[in-house]
Amino acid sequence: MSAMQEVLRHMTAWGFTKMDPQPPAAWLGMTGELSTPTQGNVPCEVWIDHSFERPLKLWVTKLPRTLPRLVPHIGPDGYLCYAAPGTQVIDIYDPVGQIRTSLLQAAEVLEQVLAGKMKEDLQEEFFVYWGGVYCFHDVERRTSGRAELLQLSDNKMFVLTDDVDRSRAKFAREGRKIDEFISQIALITSSAAPRPLQENWPPKTVSQILDWQHEMDEACRRKIRDKIISAYRDKAPGLLIVIESEKTGYSYGFIVHELQRNRPTNNRARDQRIPIFDCPIEPVQMLRLDDKYLAERNIPGRTTLAGKRIGLVGCGTIGGFLGEMLVKAGAGTGGGELLLIDDDLVMPQNLGRHRLGFNYLFRPKAQALADELKIVLPSAQVHGYYNEAKDINLADIDLIIDATGEESFGHWLAKASSCPTLHIWIEGAGVAVRSLIRHRAEQGCYRCLTEANSQGELLSVVGGVEPIFAGQGCEGLYVPFPASVSIQAAALALDTALAWVADRPWPTLTTRLTDYTYVQATPDCSPLPHMGCPACRL
């Protein structure tokens, strides 16, 4: 007996029959009922993939009359979302067992839905059902004020912005025009998380939008109605309304088109019933691209580097990758600044493990990296200095990061800097990466660590490391290791910086092995100042 015949035999035994007509050729469609412990049997339609490589699809075909209009996990067409995408392990060698597991899981989810549970899940799945054109939300200001709408010529997507110049820089592409889109804009907050309806979805008219909002947040419904009436009276042709959910922090919107379509032509007509309710609306998917969101998305609830003045000294194999990581963690945004300092050029021998490529050959590393990071995030305030760090005024810096890997510079900086200082370097030929941060007087400095290492203490690996010379003559000391080691060093530095800015507990000296033929000698710790250290002046 074939696998599909075996599936049909079991599905029939479970009370399912084949549909007529059948769904698309790749699927087998069957109808039956899901049995729930307290809610009884619920009619449903099931689609089974002929190859058994895709999850079972299930639609609830008849919902109880008592079911609220807003429920989680059941789409407007009855589609039941019983498992998050990618969470199911598909066993192609046991299709019967796989289908049985899916049906049981679907019945369990449906039981909870019908019992009025899982309401919080609605806000997570709302955007699956809210279609429409994309609108990039590039608004940094969190208070009311003027906003403008731009449209991209190549894909007709919108950009909502409170700084046209900043947004134009972000979205500039060769061959693309960025035009101003004439429309009134209304920004509204709602206390409710958005949720899809079970009928009239998606909403197509102003009346259906207001009906939907009435189910969720009556105060928001009144704001929307008032904004549309105001735009109508101003004789605006259309209106973009953006609603921010205070519960989720997410925004969604819609455009009211043809707002003046039913305006009376007789000037004497009494305007008591505003003819706006059958005006068509178009859903808009709001995609946040403001700097604050980009920095916070991957570390929700944690402090970013926004608003800080950070000096990164050394834009080589570590600093190149670290610079990009810092910007993506908020450096140079929110009124902050990222200073890149390096007195070297991008040379051909750098290209094997540097963040920069051929297009920056023979350019100053700091200035080239600054230009590259402005491509990564055009609104970031990043400035490159082709100078020695000793010649740069580092006053009013919140954090200095030493990514030079030069011991003598680390000693100088430990004494010269009056602000928090973070050192990041690679041990030997990529044996380990280490970071040391000093932001309190009671913590040991970089020179203290050097003194300890000279006495065989606080070493990175058992036995220490020896320098490796590549035999390149006057090229000097060259240490071979892959770019992956540089990236691990940059990542350790970023983690340390984020712990510092959030004032989270973090060992001042951290070590990460990158070559496991060695044994780590010193656990992460916070060394005290070394007695007699000339940098600490003890």
Protein backbone atom coordinates (compact mmCIF):
# COMPACT_ATOMS: atom_id res chain seq x y z
CA MET A 1 0.00 0.00 0.00
CA SER A 2 1.38 3.45 -0.96
CA ALA A 3 1.93 6.18 1.64
CA MET A 4 -0.99 8.22 0.28
CA GLN A 5 -3.30 5.21 0.38
CA GLU A 6 -2.29 4.66 3.99
CA VAL A 7 -3.04 8.35 4.76
CA LEU A 8 -6.46 8.09 3.09
CA ARG A 9 -7.30 4.96 5.07
CA HIS A 10 -6.51 6.66 8.36
CA MET A 11 -8.22 9.95 7.45
CA THR A 12 -11.39 8.01 6.53
CA ALA A 13 -11.24 6.19 9.86
CA TRP A 14 -11.01 9.58 11.58
CA GLY A 15 -14.23 10.70 9.88
CA PHE A 16 -12.84 12.67 6.90
CA THR A 17 -14.01 12.40 3.28
CA LYS A 18 -12.46 13.62 0.02
CA MET A 19 -13.56 17.04 -1.20
CA ASP A 20 -15.28 17.58 -4.52
CA PRO A 21 -13.86 19.45 -6.34
CA GLN A 22 -10.31 18.90 -5.18
CA PRO A 23 -7.86 21.76 -4.45
CA PRO A 24 -4.79 22.41 -6.68
CA ALA A 25 -3.00 19.32 -7.94
CA ALA A 26 -0.26 19.37 -5.31
CA TRP A 27 -2.76 18.94 -2.50
CA LEU A 28 -5.31 16.37 -1.33
CA GLY A 29 -8.40 18.04 0.15
CA MET A 30 -10.64 16.40 2.77
CA THR A 31 -13.49 17.59 4.94
CA GLY A 32 -14.40 16.48 8.44
CA GLU A 33 -14.49 17.71 12.01
CA LEU A 34 -12.00 18.62 14.70
CA SER A 35 -12.98 17.29 18.09
CA THR A 36 -12.41 19.67 21.00
CA PRO A 37 -12.86 18.55 24.63
CA THR A 38 -15.25 21.30 25.78
CA GLN A 39 -16.37 23.01 22.57
CA GLY A 40 -17.56 19.93 20.67
CA ASN A 41 -16.95 19.06 17.02
CA VAL A 42 -16.02 21.87 14.64
CA PRO A 43 -16.39 21.42 10.82
CA CYS A 44 -13.14 21.92 8.94
CA GLU A 45 -11.36 21.49 5.63
CA VAL A 46 -7.91 19.92 5.47
CA TRP A 47 -5.28 20.06 2.72
CA ILE A 48 -2.54 17.41 2.65
CA ASP A 49 0.61 17.86 0.55
CA HIS A 50 1.05 14.95 -1.87
CA SER A 51 4.81 14.93 -1.21
CA PHE A 52 4.28 15.20 2.59
CA GLU A 53 7.01 17.85 2.65
CA ARG A 54 4.78 20.76 3.66
CA PRO A 55 2.68 21.15 6.83
CA LEU A 56 -0.99 20.29 6.78
CA LYS A 57 -3.29 23.26 6.04
CA LEU A 58 -6.59 23.60 7.84
CA TRP A 59 -9.61 25.89 7.53
CA VAL A 60 -12.50 26.12 9.99
CA THR A 61 -15.58 26.10 7.74
CA LYS A 62 -18.26 26.92 10.30
CA LEU A 63 -17.61 29.01 13.38
CA PRO A 64 -19.93 29.09 16.40
CA ARG A 65 -22.33 32.04 16.38
CA THR A 66 -21.19 33.00 19.86
CA LEU A 67 -17.58 33.46 18.74
CA PRO A 68 -16.35 37.08 19.09
CA ARG A 69 -15.54 38.96 15.89
CA LEU A 70 -11.93 39.30 17.00
CA VAL A 71 -10.20 35.99 17.75
CA PRO A 72 -6.58 34.86 17.47
CA HIS A 73 -5.18 32.25 15.08
CA ILE A 74 -8.27 32.17 12.81
CA GLY A 75 -7.96 34.27 9.68
CA PRO A 76 -10.82 36.09 7.99
CA ASP A 77 -11.27 33.13 5.61
CA GLY A 78 -11.28 30.61 8.48
CA TYR A 79 -7.65 29.57 8.06
CA LEU A 80 -6.38 28.17 11.36
CA CYS A 81 -2.80 29.03 12.30
CA TYR A 82 -2.01 26.15 14.65
CA ALA A 83 1.80 26.34 14.54
CA ALA A 84 4.30 29.12 13.93
CA PRO A 85 6.10 28.89 10.56
CA GLY A 86 9.29 26.84 10.80
CA THR A 87 8.46 25.24 14.15
CA GLN A 88 7.09 21.97 12.78
CA VAL A 89 9.48 19.10 12.10
CA ILE A 90 8.17 17.38 8.97
CA ASP A 91 8.72 13.60 8.99
CA ILE A 92 8.30 12.48 5.38
CA TYR A 93 8.82 8.85 6.45
CA ASP A 94 5.83 8.86 8.79
CA PRO A 95 3.12 10.92 7.07
CA VAL A 96 0.27 9.32 9.06
CA GLY A 97 1.92 10.15 12.36
CA GLN A 98 2.78 13.64 11.11
CA ILE A 99 -0.81 14.35 10.03
CA ARG A 100 -2.22 12.95 13.25
CA THR A 101 0.09 15.19 15.31
CA SER A 102 -0.92 18.24 13.27
CA LEU A 103 -4.63 17.51 13.71
CA LEU A 104 -4.22 17.10 17.47
CA GLN A 105 -2.25 20.32 17.70
CA ALA A 106 -4.85 22.17 15.61
CA ALA A 107 -7.63 20.84 17.86
CA GLU A 108 -5.75 22.02 20.95
CA VAL A 109 -5.27 25.54 19.54
CA LEU A 110 -8.89 25.68 18.42
CA GLU A 111 -10.05 24.61 21.88
CA GLN A 112 -8.19 27.52 23.47
CA VAL A 113 -9.42 29.98 20.82
CA LEU A 114 -13.07 29.00 21.29
CA ALA A 115 -12.66 29.18 25.06
CA GLY A 116 -11.61 32.84 24.76
CA LYS A 117 -7.95 32.25 25.56
CA MET A 118 -4.78 33.31 23.69
CA LYS A 119 -6.12 36.82 23.06
CA GLU A 120 -2.65 38.30 23.35
CA ASP A 121 -1.58 36.28 20.30
CA LEU A 122 -3.75 38.50 18.10
CA GLN A 123 -1.30 41.38 18.11
CA GLU A 124 1.54 39.11 16.93
CA GLU A 125 -0.32 37.80 13.90
CA PHE A 126 -2.17 40.96 12.87
CA PHE A 127 0.36 41.92 10.20
CA VAL A 128 -0.13 38.57 8.45
CA TYR A 129 -3.60 39.84 7.53
CA TRP A 130 -2.88 43.55 7.02
CA GLY A 131 -1.73 43.86 3.42
CA GLY A 132 -1.38 46.87 1.20
CA VAL A 133 1.43 49.03 -0.12
CA TYR A 134 4.60 49.46 1.92
CA CYS A 135 5.35 52.72 3.70
CA PHE A 136 8.71 53.18 5.42
CA HIS A 137 8.28 54.90 8.77
CA ASP A 138 11.34 57.11 9.22
CA VAL A 139 10.15 59.34 12.06
CA GLU A 140 12.64 59.98 14.87
CA ARG A 141 10.53 62.48 16.77
CA ARG A 142 8.19 60.82 19.25
CA THR A 143 6.04 63.94 19.73
CA SER A 144 3.52 65.58 17.45
CA GLY A 145 4.78 67.76 14.66
CA ARG A 146 4.97 68.09 10.92
CA ALA A 147 5.54 64.96 8.86
CA GLU A 148 5.85 64.58 5.10
CA LEU A 149 5.19 61.77 2.66
CA LEU A 150 7.60 60.81 -0.12
CA GLN A 151 7.16 58.21 -2.86
CA LEU A 152 9.90 56.14 -4.53
CA SER A 153 9.68 56.12 -8.30
CA ASP A 154 10.93 52.57 -8.91
CA ASN A 155 8.51 50.65 -6.67
CA LYS A 156 5.86 53.23 -5.67
CA MET A 157 6.55 52.62 -1.99
CA PHE A 158 6.03 55.51 0.42
CA VAL A 159 8.33 57.07 3.00
CA LEU A 160 6.84 58.89 5.98
CA THR A 161 9.43 61.23 7.47
CA ASP A 162 9.99 64.10 9.85
CA ASP A 163 13.28 64.98 8.10
CA VAL A 164 13.11 64.96 4.31
CA ASP A 165 16.87 65.41 3.80
CA ARG A 166 17.70 62.49 6.09
CA SER A 167 15.20 60.18 4.40
CA ARG A 168 16.31 61.20 0.92
CA ALA A 169 19.87 60.23 1.87
CA LYS A 170 18.69 56.86 3.19
CA PHE A 171 16.71 55.93 0.10
CA ALA A 172 18.85 57.48 -2.63
CA ARG A 173 19.64 54.99 -5.40
CA GLU A 174 20.93 55.38 -8.94
CA GLY A 175 18.01 55.88 -11.30
CA ARG A 176 15.46 56.42 -8.51
CA LYS A 177 13.44 59.59 -8.12
CA ILE A 178 12.07 60.53 -4.73
CA ASP A 179 8.98 62.65 -5.12
CA GLU A 180 6.82 64.44 -2.60
CA PHE A 181 3.39 62.83 -2.38
CA ILE A 182 0.56 65.30 -1.93
CA SER A 183 -1.63 64.08 0.90
CA GLN A 184 -2.62 65.14 4.35
CA ILE A 185 -1.12 63.05 7.15
CA ALA A 186 -2.58 62.21 10.54
CA LEU A 187 -0.62 60.41 13.26
CA ILE A 188 -2.84 58.75 15.88
CA THR A 189 -2.10 56.62 18.94
CA SER A 190 -4.24 53.73 20.11
CA SER A 191 -4.31 51.94 23.44
CA ALA A 192 -5.25 48.66 21.74
CA ALA A 193 -3.17 46.10 19.89
CA PRO A 194 -4.47 45.71 16.31
CA ARG A 195 -6.46 42.53 15.57
CA PRO A 196 -8.15 41.25 12.40
CA LEU A 197 -11.93 40.94 12.10
CA GLN A 198 -13.76 37.77 11.08
CA GLU A 199 -15.87 39.63 8.49
CA ASN A 200 -15.46 42.62 6.18
CA TRP A 201 -11.75 41.95 6.13
CA PRO A 202 -9.66 43.62 5.00
CA PRO A 203 -11.72 46.81 5.35
CA LYS A 204 -12.36 48.52 2.04
CA THR A 205 -14.21 51.71 3.02
CA VAL A 206 -14.11 54.36 5.70
CA SER A 207 -17.27 52.87 7.20
CA GLN A 208 -15.63 49.44 7.57
CA ILE A 209 -12.49 51.00 9.09
CA LEU A 210 -14.59 52.78 11.71
CA ASP A 211 -16.57 49.62 12.40
CA TRP A 212 -13.33 47.70 12.93
CA GLN A 213 -11.87 50.30 15.28
CA HIS A 214 -15.11 50.35 17.25
CA GLU A 215 -14.44 46.70 18.14
CA MET A 216 -11.00 47.56 19.53
CA ASP A 217 -10.70 51.17 20.68
CA GLU A 218 -13.64 53.56 20.58
CA ALA A 219 -11.43 56.56 21.38
CA CYS A 220 -9.23 55.74 18.39
CA ARG A 221 -12.32 55.39 16.19
CA ARG A 222 -13.41 58.92 17.11
CA LYS A 223 -9.93 60.31 16.36
CA ILE A 224 -9.94 58.66 12.94
CA ARG A 225 -13.42 59.96 12.11
CA ASP A 226 -12.51 63.49 13.21
CA LYS A 227 -9.29 63.51 11.16
CA ILE A 228 -11.12 62.32 8.03
CA ILE A 229 -13.88 64.90 8.47
CA SER A 230 -11.27 67.64 8.98
CA ALA A 231 -9.43 66.62 5.79
CA TYR A 232 -12.74 66.51 3.91
CA ARG A 233 -13.58 70.03 5.04
CA ASP A 234 -10.11 71.21 4.01
CA LYS A 235 -10.92 69.81 0.54
CA ALA A 236 -7.93 67.45 0.67
CA PRO A 237 -8.02 64.79 -2.09
CA GLY A 238 -6.78 62.09 0.26
CA LEU A 239 -5.46 61.35 3.71
CA LEU A 240 -2.85 59.01 5.16
CA ILE A 241 -3.67 57.89 8.68
CA VAL A 242 -0.95 56.17 10.72
CA ILE A 243 -1.95 54.48 13.96
CA GLU A 244 0.66 53.60 16.55
CA SER A 245 -0.28 50.91 19.03
CA GLU A 246 0.98 51.92 22.46
CA LYS A 247 0.89 48.29 23.58
CA THR A 248 3.11 46.92 20.85
CA GLY A 249 5.03 49.96 19.62
CA TYR A 250 4.14 48.98 16.05
CA SER A 251 2.38 51.19 13.53
CA TYR A 252 -0.06 50.46 10.75
CA GLY A 253 -1.94 52.77 8.43
CA PHE A 254 -4.29 53.32 5.54
CA ILE A 255 -4.88 55.88 2.81
CA VAL A 256 -8.32 57.35 2.25
CA HIS A 257 -8.72 57.89 -1.49
CA GLU A 258 -11.20 60.08 -3.40
CA LEU A 259 -12.15 61.96 -0.26
CA GLN A 260 -14.09 64.57 -2.24
CA ARG A 261 -15.92 62.11 -4.50
CA ASN A 262 -19.34 62.73 -2.92
CA ARG A 263 -19.01 66.42 -2.10
CA PRO A 264 -22.30 68.18 -3.06
CA THR A 265 -21.98 70.41 -6.10
CA ASN A 266 -24.77 72.68 -4.86
CA ASN A 267 -23.14 75.25 -2.59
CA ARG A 268 -26.42 75.70 -0.78
CA ALA A 269 -26.66 72.05 0.20
CA ARG A 270 -26.72 71.62 3.94
CA ASP A 271 -23.58 69.69 5.03
CA GLN A 272 -25.08 67.87 8.00
CA ARG A 273 -24.17 64.32 6.94
CA ILE A 274 -20.56 64.30 5.80
CA PRO A 275 -20.40 62.00 2.72
CA ILE A 276 -17.14 60.24 3.62
CA PHE A 277 -18.20 56.78 4.76
CA ASP A 278 -18.13 54.99 1.42
CA CYS A 279 -14.79 56.51 0.34
CA PRO A 280 -12.34 53.73 -0.54
CA ILE A 281 -9.36 53.03 1.72
CA GLU A 282 -6.09 51.24 0.98
CA PRO A 283 -4.22 49.41 3.77
CA VAL A 284 -0.62 50.52 4.23
CA GLN A 285 2.06 48.32 5.78
CA MET A 286 4.24 50.52 7.96
CA LEU A 287 7.86 49.38 8.11
CA ARG A 288 9.90 51.20 10.73
CA LEU A 289 13.29 52.35 9.49
CA ASP A 290 14.08 55.09 11.97
CA ASP A 291 17.51 54.94 13.58
CA LYS A 292 16.16 54.26 17.08
CA TYR A 293 14.23 51.22 15.91
CA LEU A 294 17.13 49.81 13.88
CA ALA A 295 19.42 50.02 16.91
CA GLU A 296 16.90 48.59 19.38
CA ARG A 297 15.26 45.84 17.31
CA ASN A 298 17.91 43.19 17.97
CA ILE A 299 18.39 44.14 21.63
CA PRO A 300 14.87 44.99 22.84
CA GLY A 301 14.68 46.42 26.32
CA ARG A 302 18.41 47.17 26.42
CA THR A 303 20.24 50.48 26.24
CA THR A 304 21.85 51.29 22.88
CA LEU A 305 24.79 53.55 22.07
CA ALA A 306 22.54 56.29 20.72
CA GLY A 307 23.37 59.76 22.03
CA LYS A 308 26.95 58.86 23.03
CA ARG A 309 30.19 60.35 21.66
CA ILE A 310 32.44 57.38 20.94
CA GLY A 311 36.00 57.48 19.67
CA LEU A 312 37.26 54.39 17.86
CA VAL A 313 41.05 54.42 17.50
CA GLY A 314 42.28 51.94 14.93
CA CYS A 315 40.28 51.14 11.79
CA GLY A 316 42.14 48.01 10.80
CA THR A 317 41.06 44.39 10.82
CA ILE A 318 39.21 44.71 14.16
CA GLY A 319 38.11 48.35 13.91
CA GLY A 320 36.61 47.96 10.46
CA PHE A 321 34.11 45.33 11.59
CA LEU A 322 33.65 46.97 14.98
CA GLY A 323 32.77 50.33 13.41
CA GLU A 324 29.85 48.76 11.57
CA MET A 325 28.68 46.91 14.68
CA LEU A 326 28.78 50.13 16.71
CA VAL A 327 26.67 52.02 14.17
CA LYS A 328 24.11 49.23 14.08
CA ALA A 329 23.94 49.43 17.88
CA GLY A 330 23.09 53.14 17.73
CA ALA A 331 26.49 54.85 17.68
CA GLY A 332 26.29 58.14 15.78
CA THR A 333 22.51 58.41 16.16
CA GLY A 334 20.18 60.18 18.58
CA GLY A 335 22.47 63.20 18.77
CA GLY A 336 25.57 61.06 19.30
CA GLU A 337 28.75 60.87 17.23
CA LEU A 338 31.24 58.21 16.18
CA LEU A 339 34.82 59.40 15.62
CA LEU A 340 37.09 57.09 13.62
CA ILE A 341 40.82 57.71 14.06
CA ASP A 342 43.63 56.03 12.12
CA ASP A 343 46.79 57.32 10.45
CA ASP A 344 47.16 54.44 8.00
CA LEU A 345 45.99 53.75 4.43
CA VAL A 346 44.04 50.81 3.01
CA MET A 347 46.76 48.74 1.37
CA PRO A 348 46.52 45.63 -0.86
CA GLN A 349 47.76 43.37 1.94
CA ASN A 350 44.84 44.53 4.12
CA LEU A 351 42.12 43.25 1.82
CA GLY A 352 42.22 39.61 2.93
CA ARG A 353 40.62 40.32 6.31
CA HIS A 354 39.45 43.95 6.31
CA ARG A 355 35.87 45.24 6.27
CA LEU A 356 36.79 47.49 3.33
CA GLY A 357 37.49 46.31 -0.21
CA PHE A 358 39.21 47.23 -3.48
CA ASN A 359 37.13 50.37 -3.96
CA TYR A 360 38.94 51.99 -1.02
CA LEU A 361 42.54 51.05 -1.92
CA PHE A 362 45.15 53.66 -0.92
CA ARG A 363 42.59 55.79 0.87
CA PRO A 364 42.95 56.69 4.57
CA LYS A 365 41.30 53.88 6.56
CA ALA A 366 39.37 56.14 8.92
CA GLN A 367 37.90 58.32 6.18
CA ALA A 368 37.14 55.33 3.94
CA LEU A 369 35.40 53.50 6.78
CA ALA A 370 33.40 56.62 7.62
CA ASP A 371 32.20 56.80 4.01
CA GLU A 372 31.27 53.11 4.06
CA LEU A 373 29.33 53.43 7.32
CA LYS A 374 27.38 56.37 5.89
CA ILE A 375 26.25 53.98 3.16
CA VAL A 376 25.25 51.44 5.82
CA LEU A 377 23.31 54.13 7.76
CA PRO A 378 23.27 57.50 5.98
CA SER A 379 21.82 59.38 8.95
CA ALA A 380 24.60 58.36 11.35
CA GLN A 381 27.05 61.06 12.40
CA VAL A 382 30.34 59.35 11.59
CA HIS A 383 33.59 61.29 11.06
CA GLY A 384 36.95 59.92 9.98
CA TYR A 385 40.30 61.45 11.00
CA TYR A 386 43.52 60.64 9.15
CA ASN A 387 45.66 61.45 12.17
CA GLU A 388 47.44 59.93 15.11
CA ALA A 389 45.12 59.70 18.08
CA LYS A 390 47.58 61.74 20.17
CA ASP A 391 46.89 64.70 17.86
CA ILE A 392 43.09 64.53 18.21
CA ASN A 393 41.20 66.40 20.91
CA LEU A 394 39.40 63.60 22.75
CA ALA A 395 37.68 65.89 25.25
CA ASP A 396 33.96 65.30 25.88
CA ILE A 397 34.20 61.70 24.62
CA ASP A 398 31.97 59.25 26.49
CA LEU A 399 33.94 56.13 25.53
CA ILE A 400 37.28 55.59 23.77
CA ILE A 401 37.83 52.21 22.13
CA ASP A 402 41.40 51.18 21.39
CA ALA A 403 41.38 48.69 18.52
CA THR A 404 44.98 49.30 17.44
CA GLY A 405 46.41 46.19 19.09
CA GLU A 406 49.53 48.27 19.82
CA GLU A 407 50.77 47.80 23.38
CA SER A 408 52.66 51.10 23.56
CA PHE A 409 49.59 53.05 22.46
CA GLY A 410 47.50 51.20 25.05
CA HIS A 411 49.95 52.34 27.75
CA TRP A 412 49.78 55.95 26.58
CA LEU A 413 46.00 55.92 26.40
CA ALA A 414 45.68 54.40 29.88
CA LYS A 415 47.43 57.48 31.27
CA ALA A 416 46.13 60.15 28.87
CA SER A 417 42.44 59.30 28.89
CA SER A 418 40.17 60.68 31.57
CA CYS A 419 37.05 58.94 30.23
CA PRO A 420 36.04 55.25 30.11
CA THR A 421 38.47 53.31 27.92
CA LEU A 422 37.96 49.95 26.23
CA HIS A 423 40.86 48.00 24.73
CA ILE A 424 40.29 45.11 22.32
CA TRP A 425 43.01 42.95 20.82
CA ILE A 426 43.92 39.53 19.41
CA GLU A 427 46.37 37.27 21.20
CA GLY A 428 49.16 35.75 19.14
CA ALA A 429 48.20 34.17 15.84
CA GLY A 430 44.48 34.32 16.54
CA VAL A 431 44.71 32.16 19.68
CA ALA A 432 42.19 34.25 21.63
CA VAL A 433 40.53 37.64 21.69
CA ARG A 434 40.50 39.83 24.80
CA SER A 435 38.90 43.02 25.99
CA LEU A 436 39.67 45.25 28.95
CA ILE A 437 37.48 48.14 30.01
CA ARG A 438 38.24 50.69 32.71
CA HIS A 439 35.55 53.14 33.67
CA ARG A 440 36.05 53.37 37.44
CA ALA A 441 39.09 54.34 39.47
CA GLU A 442 39.11 51.06 41.39
CA GLN A 443 39.60 49.04 38.17
CA GLY A 444 42.95 48.04 36.74
CA CYS A 445 44.11 49.73 33.52
CA TYR A 446 45.79 48.36 30.39
CA ARG A 447 49.25 49.03 31.83
CA CYS A 448 48.28 47.14 35.00
CA LEU A 449 47.43 44.11 32.85
CA THR A 450 50.78 44.34 31.08
CA GLU A 451 52.57 44.37 34.45
CA ALA A 452 50.60 41.32 35.54
CA ASN A 453 51.32 39.46 32.29
CA SER A 454 55.06 40.10 32.69
CA GLN A 455 54.87 38.25 36.00
CA GLY A 456 52.95 35.35 34.46
CA GLU A 457 49.59 36.46 35.83
CA LEU A 458 46.24 37.08 34.10
CA LEU A 459 47.50 35.37 30.92
CA SER A 460 45.01 34.52 28.19
CA VAL A 461 46.16 30.91 27.66
CA VAL A 462 48.25 28.47 29.62
CA GLY A 463 51.91 29.04 28.76
CA GLY A 464 51.24 32.39 27.10
CA VAL A 465 51.68 33.12 23.38
CA GLU A 466 54.68 33.85 21.21
CA PRO A 467 54.72 36.38 18.34
CA ILE A 468 54.95 34.97 14.82
CA PHE A 469 57.02 36.72 12.15
CA ALA A 470 56.06 36.24 8.51
CA GLY A 471 59.54 36.99 7.21
CA GLN A 472 58.43 39.95 5.13
CA GLY A 473 61.46 42.06 5.92
CA CYS A 474 60.69 45.70 6.68
CA GLU A 475 56.96 44.98 6.71
CA GLY A 476 57.58 44.27 10.37
CA LEU A 477 55.51 42.13 12.69
CA TYR A 478 52.72 40.41 10.83
CA VAL A 479 50.40 37.97 12.53
CA PRO A 480 48.41 35.61 10.27
CA PHE A 481 44.86 34.67 11.28
CA PRO A 482 41.53 34.51 9.42
CA ALA A 483 39.00 37.36 9.33
CA SER A 484 36.71 35.30 11.57
CA VAL A 485 39.04 36.08 14.49
CA SER A 486 38.76 39.80 13.80
CA ILE A 487 34.98 39.53 13.77
CA GLN A 488 35.00 37.68 17.11
CA ALA A 489 37.17 40.41 18.60
CA ALA A 490 34.82 43.10 17.28
CA ALA A 491 31.81 41.23 18.69
CA LEU A 492 33.45 40.97 22.13
CA ALA A 493 34.17 44.71 22.06
CA LEU A 494 30.56 45.48 21.15
CA ASP A 495 29.21 43.27 23.96
CA THR A 496 31.52 45.05 26.40
CA ALA A 497 30.43 48.49 25.17
CA LEU A 498 26.75 47.58 25.45
CA ALA A 499 27.28 46.34 29.01
CA TRP A 500 29.04 49.63 29.83
CA VAL A 501 26.33 51.87 28.38
CA ALA A 502 23.61 49.93 30.21
CA ASP A 503 25.68 49.84 33.44
CA ARG A 504 25.23 46.08 33.56
CA PRO A 505 27.55 43.83 35.59
CA TRP A 506 30.41 42.79 33.32
CA PRO A 507 33.95 41.58 34.02
CA THR A 508 36.46 44.24 33.04
CA LEU A 509 38.84 41.61 31.59
CA THR A 510 37.23 39.08 29.24
CA THR A 511 38.81 36.37 27.12
CA ARG A 512 37.35 34.29 24.30
CA LEU A 513 39.36 31.36 22.91
CA THR A 514 39.44 31.11 19.12
CA ASP A 515 41.92 28.21 18.95
CA TYR A 516 40.82 25.32 21.12
CA THR A 517 44.17 23.57 21.00
CA TYR A 518 45.00 26.03 23.80
CA VAL A 519 43.60 26.14 27.33
CA GLN A 520 42.25 29.37 28.76
CA ALA A 521 44.40 30.46 31.70
CA THR A 522 42.38 33.27 33.27
CA PRO A 523 38.62 33.25 33.77
CA ASP A 524 36.77 36.49 33.12
CA CYS A 525 37.42 38.80 36.04
CA SER A 526 37.86 42.41 37.17
CA PRO A 527 41.52 42.96 38.12
CA LEU A 528 42.46 45.64 40.66
CA PRO A 529 45.05 48.31 39.85
CA HIS A 530 48.65 47.11 39.98
CA MET A 531 50.64 48.68 42.78
CA GLY A 532 53.11 51.19 41.35
CA CYS A 533 51.41 51.41 37.92
CA PRO A 534 52.69 54.63 36.28
CA ALA A 535 49.42 55.08 34.37
CA CYS A 536 47.17 54.69 37.43
CA ARG A 537 49.65 56.73 39.53
CA LEU A 538 49.41 54.29 42.45
